[in-house]
Amino acid sequence: QVQLVQSGGGLVQPGGSLRLSCAASGFTFNRYTMNWVRQAPGKGLEWVADIAAVGGGTVYSDSVRGRFIISRDNAKNTVYLQMNSLKPEDTAVYFCSRAIGYWGQGTQVTVSS
């Protein structure tokens, strides 16, 4: 069965960096676009970034473009989200996902001094 297991996250000061990882299993990883999505406290889901299966093309939301980097290692079946210049408004639970309807368990990221 499809599994997405996340790691990383935690508490960081504004301006700091964190890296999230999402290890995939149960499907042919290099055939699927992978996504990161987040949910801030009291708010709905917000799409953050995509990375294509072929060619590794990336797309970012306006709120994170230039600060976050999505990448993938198809040999390790893992997708990453490098988060730099973090702001308090980046505080959220972050999820990796794959179409259709597959989600990681979620990782809390808190940006606070």
N, C-alpha and C. Protein backbone atom coordinates (compact mmCIF):
# COMPACT_ATOMS: atom_id res chain seq x y z
N GLN A 1 0.84 -1.18 0.00
CA GLN A 1 0.00 0.00 0.00
C GLN A 1 0.88 1.25 0.00
N VAL A 2 0.29 2.33 -0.48
CA VAL A 2 1.02 3.60 -0.53
C VAL A 2 1.26 4.11 0.88
N GLN A 3 2.51 4.46 1.14
CA GLN A 3 2.86 5.08 2.42
C GLN A 3 3.76 6.27 2.18
N LEU A 4 3.49 7.34 2.91
CA LEU A 4 4.32 8.54 2.89
C LEU A 4 4.68 8.84 4.34
N VAL A 5 5.96 8.73 4.67
CA VAL A 5 6.41 8.90 6.06
C VAL A 5 7.31 10.12 6.15
N GLN A 6 6.86 11.09 6.90
CA GLN A 6 7.56 12.37 7.00
C GLN A 6 8.51 12.41 8.19
N SER A 7 9.53 13.25 8.05
CA SER A 7 10.45 13.52 9.15
C SER A 7 10.95 14.95 9.01
N GLY A 8 11.54 15.44 10.09
CA GLY A 8 12.01 16.82 10.11
C GLY A 8 11.01 17.70 10.83
N GLY A 9 11.16 18.99 10.67
CA GLY A 9 10.27 19.93 11.32
C GLY A 9 10.75 20.27 12.71
N GLY A 10 9.92 21.05 13.43
CA GLY A 10 10.24 21.45 14.78
C GLY A 10 10.11 22.94 14.98
N LEU A 11 10.83 23.45 15.97
CA LEU A 11 10.77 24.86 16.34
C LEU A 11 12.03 25.57 15.84
N VAL A 12 11.85 26.71 15.20
CA VAL A 12 12.98 27.48 14.67
C VAL A 12 12.68 28.96 14.84
N GLN A 13 13.73 29.75 14.98
CA GLN A 13 13.56 31.19 15.10
C GLN A 13 13.33 31.81 13.73
N PRO A 14 12.67 32.95 13.68
CA PRO A 14 12.50 33.65 12.41
C PRO A 14 13.85 33.86 11.72
N GLY A 15 13.85 33.62 10.41
CA GLY A 15 15.08 33.72 9.65
C GLY A 15 15.84 32.42 9.55
N GLY A 16 15.44 31.44 10.32
CA GLY A 16 16.13 30.15 10.33
C GLY A 16 15.70 29.24 9.19
N SER A 17 16.26 28.03 9.22
CA SER A 17 16.00 27.06 8.17
C SER A 17 15.63 25.71 8.78
N LEU A 18 14.84 24.96 8.03
CA LEU A 18 14.50 23.58 8.36
C LEU A 18 14.38 22.80 7.07
N ARG A 19 14.58 21.49 7.17
CA ARG A 19 14.34 20.62 6.02
C ARG A 19 13.39 19.51 6.42
N LEU A 20 12.36 19.34 5.60
CA LEU A 20 11.41 18.25 5.76
C LEU A 20 11.73 17.17 4.74
N SER A 21 11.51 15.92 5.15
CA SER A 21 11.68 14.78 4.26
C SER A 21 10.40 13.96 4.24
N CYS A 22 10.19 13.29 3.14
CA CYS A 22 9.00 12.43 2.98
C CYS A 22 9.44 11.19 2.21
N ALA A 23 9.49 10.08 2.91
CA ALA A 23 9.91 8.82 2.30
C ALA A 23 8.69 8.06 1.81
N ALA A 24 8.71 7.70 0.54
CA ALA A 24 7.56 7.05 -0.09
C ALA A 24 7.81 5.57 -0.30
N SER A 25 6.73 4.80 -0.26
CA SER A 25 6.80 3.38 -0.56
C SER A 25 5.45 2.91 -1.06
N GLY A 26 5.45 1.75 -1.71
CA GLY A 26 4.20 1.16 -2.17
C GLY A 26 3.74 1.58 -3.54
N PHE A 27 4.55 2.38 -4.23
CA PHE A 27 4.22 2.77 -5.60
C PHE A 27 5.51 3.15 -6.32
N THR A 28 5.40 3.31 -7.62
CA THR A 28 6.57 3.66 -8.43
C THR A 28 6.80 5.16 -8.32
N PHE A 29 7.67 5.52 -7.43
CA PHE A 29 7.85 6.92 -7.03
C PHE A 29 8.17 7.82 -8.22
N ASN A 30 9.03 7.37 -9.11
CA ASN A 30 9.50 8.26 -10.18
C ASN A 30 8.46 8.47 -11.27
N ARG A 31 7.25 7.98 -11.08
CA ARG A 31 6.18 8.21 -12.04
C ARG A 31 5.18 9.26 -11.57
N TYR A 32 5.39 9.82 -10.36
CA TYR A 32 4.38 10.71 -9.78
C TYR A 32 4.95 12.06 -9.39
N THR A 33 4.17 13.09 -9.73
CA THR A 33 4.41 14.40 -9.15
C THR A 33 4.16 14.33 -7.65
N MET A 34 5.02 15.00 -6.89
CA MET A 34 4.86 15.05 -5.44
C MET A 34 4.61 16.49 -5.02
N ASN A 35 3.87 16.63 -3.92
CA ASN A 35 3.45 17.95 -3.46
C ASN A 35 3.78 18.14 -1.99
N TRP A 36 3.91 19.40 -1.60
CA TRP A 36 3.88 19.77 -0.19
C TRP A 36 2.70 20.74 0.00
N VAL A 37 1.98 20.52 1.07
CA VAL A 37 0.81 21.31 1.41
C VAL A 37 0.93 21.63 2.89
N ARG A 38 0.36 22.74 3.34
CA ARG A 38 0.42 23.08 4.76
C ARG A 38 -0.92 23.58 5.27
N GLN A 39 -1.07 23.50 6.58
CA GLN A 39 -2.28 24.00 7.22
C GLN A 39 -1.88 24.77 8.47
N ALA A 40 -2.07 26.08 8.42
CA ALA A 40 -1.78 26.93 9.55
C ALA A 40 -2.90 26.81 10.58
N PRO A 41 -2.62 27.16 11.84
CA PRO A 41 -3.64 27.06 12.88
C PRO A 41 -4.91 27.83 12.52
N GLY A 42 -6.02 27.16 12.58
CA GLY A 42 -7.31 27.80 12.32
C GLY A 42 -7.59 28.11 10.87
N LYS A 43 -6.75 27.63 9.95
CA LYS A 43 -6.93 27.93 8.52
C LYS A 43 -7.05 26.65 7.71
N GLY A 44 -7.41 26.81 6.46
CA GLY A 44 -7.54 25.67 5.57
C GLY A 44 -6.21 25.24 4.98
N LEU A 45 -6.27 24.23 4.14
CA LEU A 45 -5.06 23.74 3.50
C LEU A 45 -4.56 24.74 2.47
N GLU A 46 -3.24 24.89 2.42
CA GLU A 46 -2.59 25.77 1.45
C GLU A 46 -1.54 24.97 0.70
N TRP A 47 -1.67 24.93 -0.62
CA TRP A 47 -0.65 24.27 -1.45
C TRP A 47 0.64 25.08 -1.37
N VAL A 48 1.78 24.38 -1.26
CA VAL A 48 3.07 25.04 -1.11
C VAL A 48 3.94 24.88 -2.35
N ALA A 49 4.10 23.62 -2.81
CA ALA A 49 5.02 23.39 -3.92
C ALA A 49 4.75 22.02 -4.54
N ASP A 50 5.10 21.90 -5.83
CA ASP A 50 5.06 20.65 -6.58
C ASP A 50 6.42 20.37 -7.17
N ILE A 51 6.71 19.08 -7.38
CA ILE A 51 7.87 18.71 -8.17
C ILE A 51 7.45 17.58 -9.11
N ALA A 52 7.74 17.76 -10.38
CA ALA A 52 7.30 16.81 -11.40
C ALA A 52 8.07 15.51 -11.32
N ALA A 53 7.41 14.46 -11.82
CA ALA A 53 8.03 13.14 -11.82
C ALA A 53 9.19 13.08 -12.81
N VAL A 54 8.94 13.64 -13.99
CA VAL A 54 9.94 13.59 -15.05
C VAL A 54 10.54 14.98 -15.24
N GLY A 55 11.83 15.05 -15.16
CA GLY A 55 12.51 16.33 -15.34
C GLY A 55 12.66 17.13 -14.07
N GLY A 56 11.85 16.83 -13.07
CA GLY A 56 11.98 17.50 -11.78
C GLY A 56 11.59 18.96 -11.78
N GLY A 57 10.76 19.38 -12.74
CA GLY A 57 10.32 20.76 -12.75
C GLY A 57 9.55 21.11 -11.48
N THR A 58 9.73 22.33 -11.00
CA THR A 58 9.13 22.73 -9.73
C THR A 58 8.22 23.94 -9.90
N VAL A 59 7.23 24.02 -9.04
CA VAL A 59 6.31 25.15 -8.99
C VAL A 59 6.09 25.49 -7.53
N TYR A 60 6.00 26.78 -7.23
CA TYR A 60 5.86 27.23 -5.85
C TYR A 60 4.71 28.22 -5.71
N SER A 61 4.13 28.25 -4.51
CA SER A 61 3.16 29.29 -4.21
C SER A 61 3.90 30.62 -4.06
N ASP A 62 3.17 31.69 -4.25
CA ASP A 62 3.78 33.02 -4.12
C ASP A 62 4.34 33.25 -2.72
N SER A 63 3.71 32.65 -1.74
CA SER A 63 4.10 32.90 -0.35
C SER A 63 5.45 32.29 0.02
N VAL A 64 5.92 31.31 -0.75
CA VAL A 64 7.18 30.65 -0.39
C VAL A 64 8.24 30.75 -1.49
N ARG A 65 7.85 31.21 -2.66
CA ARG A 65 8.80 31.25 -3.78
C ARG A 65 10.01 32.10 -3.41
N GLY A 66 11.20 31.57 -3.69
CA GLY A 66 12.44 32.28 -3.36
C GLY A 66 12.98 31.94 -1.99
N ARG A 67 12.19 31.28 -1.16
CA ARG A 67 12.63 30.90 0.18
C ARG A 67 12.66 29.38 0.37
N PHE A 68 11.72 28.68 -0.23
CA PHE A 68 11.62 27.23 -0.09
C PHE A 68 12.11 26.55 -1.37
N ILE A 69 12.68 25.36 -1.20
CA ILE A 69 13.12 24.57 -2.34
C ILE A 69 12.60 23.14 -2.19
N ILE A 70 11.83 22.70 -3.17
CA ILE A 70 11.37 21.32 -3.20
C ILE A 70 12.33 20.52 -4.08
N SER A 71 12.66 19.31 -3.65
CA SER A 71 13.55 18.46 -4.44
C SER A 71 13.16 17.01 -4.22
N ARG A 72 13.71 16.13 -5.04
CA ARG A 72 13.41 14.72 -4.90
C ARG A 72 14.65 13.90 -5.23
N ASP A 73 14.74 12.75 -4.60
CA ASP A 73 15.79 11.77 -4.89
C ASP A 73 15.06 10.49 -5.26
N ASN A 74 14.96 10.23 -6.55
CA ASN A 74 14.20 9.06 -7.00
C ASN A 74 14.87 7.75 -6.61
N ALA A 75 16.18 7.76 -6.39
CA ALA A 75 16.88 6.56 -5.94
C ALA A 75 16.50 6.20 -4.51
N LYS A 76 16.15 7.22 -3.73
CA LYS A 76 15.78 7.01 -2.33
C LYS A 76 14.28 7.09 -2.11
N ASN A 77 13.52 7.31 -3.18
CA ASN A 77 12.05 7.44 -3.07
C ASN A 77 11.67 8.49 -2.02
N THR A 78 12.34 9.62 -2.09
CA THR A 78 12.15 10.64 -1.06
C THR A 78 12.01 12.02 -1.70
N VAL A 79 11.10 12.79 -1.16
CA VAL A 79 10.93 14.18 -1.55
C VAL A 79 11.26 15.06 -0.34
N TYR A 80 11.85 16.20 -0.63
CA TYR A 80 12.32 17.10 0.43
C TYR A 80 11.70 18.49 0.26
N LEU A 81 11.65 19.21 1.38
CA LEU A 81 11.30 20.62 1.33
C LEU A 81 12.31 21.36 2.21
N GLN A 82 13.21 22.08 1.56
CA GLN A 82 14.17 22.93 2.27
C GLN A 82 13.52 24.30 2.48
N MET A 83 13.40 24.69 3.72
CA MET A 83 12.72 25.94 4.06
C MET A 83 13.73 26.91 4.65
N ASN A 84 13.95 28.01 3.97
CA ASN A 84 14.90 29.03 4.39
C ASN A 84 14.18 30.34 4.69
N SER A 85 14.86 31.21 5.40
CA SER A 85 14.31 32.54 5.74
C SER A 85 12.89 32.40 6.29
N LEU A 86 12.74 31.51 7.22
CA LEU A 86 11.40 31.21 7.75
C LEU A 86 10.82 32.40 8.49
N LYS A 87 9.50 32.53 8.35
CA LYS A 87 8.74 33.61 8.96
C LYS A 87 7.70 33.03 9.92
N PRO A 88 7.24 33.80 10.89
CA PRO A 88 6.20 33.28 11.79
C PRO A 88 4.96 32.80 11.03
N GLU A 89 4.65 33.44 9.92
CA GLU A 89 3.48 33.02 9.14
C GLU A 89 3.68 31.70 8.41
N ASP A 90 4.89 31.14 8.46
CA ASP A 90 5.11 29.80 7.92
C ASP A 90 4.74 28.71 8.93
N THR A 91 4.41 29.10 10.14
CA THR A 91 3.99 28.13 11.15
C THR A 91 2.77 27.37 10.68
N ALA A 92 2.88 26.05 10.65
CA ALA A 92 1.81 25.21 10.13
C ALA A 92 2.18 23.74 10.31
N VAL A 93 1.22 22.89 10.07
CA VAL A 93 1.49 21.48 9.88
C VAL A 93 1.70 21.26 8.39
N TYR A 94 2.81 20.65 8.04
CA TYR A 94 3.17 20.42 6.65
C TYR A 94 2.94 18.95 6.29
N PHE A 95 2.36 18.77 5.10
CA PHE A 95 2.06 17.43 4.61
C PHE A 95 2.70 17.24 3.23
N CYS A 96 3.30 16.09 3.01
CA CYS A 96 3.62 15.71 1.64
C CYS A 96 2.41 14.93 1.11
N SER A 97 2.25 14.98 -0.20
CA SER A 97 1.08 14.30 -0.76
C SER A 97 1.37 13.84 -2.17
N ARG A 98 0.55 12.89 -2.59
CA ARG A 98 0.58 12.36 -3.95
C ARG A 98 -0.84 12.13 -4.39
N ALA A 99 -1.09 12.47 -5.66
CA ALA A 99 -2.42 12.22 -6.19
C ALA A 99 -2.71 10.73 -6.24
N ILE A 100 -3.92 10.37 -6.01
CA ILE A 100 -5.03 11.17 -5.52
C ILE A 100 -5.37 10.67 -4.12
N GLY A 101 -5.23 11.59 -3.15
CA GLY A 101 -5.71 11.23 -1.83
C GLY A 101 -4.72 10.56 -0.93
N TYR A 102 -3.42 10.63 -1.26
CA TYR A 102 -2.41 10.03 -0.39
C TYR A 102 -1.63 11.14 0.31
N TRP A 103 -1.52 11.01 1.64
CA TRP A 103 -0.93 12.04 2.47
C TRP A 103 0.06 11.45 3.46
N GLY A 104 1.09 12.22 3.79
CA GLY A 104 1.93 11.88 4.91
C GLY A 104 1.20 12.18 6.21
N GLN A 105 1.86 11.86 7.32
CA GLN A 105 1.21 12.00 8.62
C GLN A 105 1.20 13.43 9.13
N GLY A 106 1.95 14.30 8.48
CA GLY A 106 2.01 15.70 8.91
C GLY A 106 3.17 15.94 9.86
N THR A 107 3.77 17.13 9.71
CA THR A 107 4.90 17.53 10.54
C THR A 107 4.70 18.97 10.98
N GLN A 108 4.82 19.21 12.27
CA GLN A 108 4.64 20.56 12.79
C GLN A 108 5.90 21.38 12.57
N VAL A 109 5.71 22.56 12.00
CA VAL A 109 6.79 23.55 11.89
C VAL A 109 6.32 24.80 12.62
N THR A 110 7.09 25.23 13.59
CA THR A 110 6.77 26.43 14.38
C THR A 110 7.92 27.41 14.26
N VAL A 111 7.58 28.62 13.80
CA VAL A 111 8.58 29.67 13.65
C VAL A 111 8.27 30.74 14.68
N SER A 112 9.13 30.85 15.66
CA SER A 112 8.87 31.75 16.77
C SER A 112 10.17 32.08 17.49
N SER A 113 10.23 33.30 18.02
CA SER A 113 11.39 33.69 18.80
C SER A 113 11.14 33.43 20.29
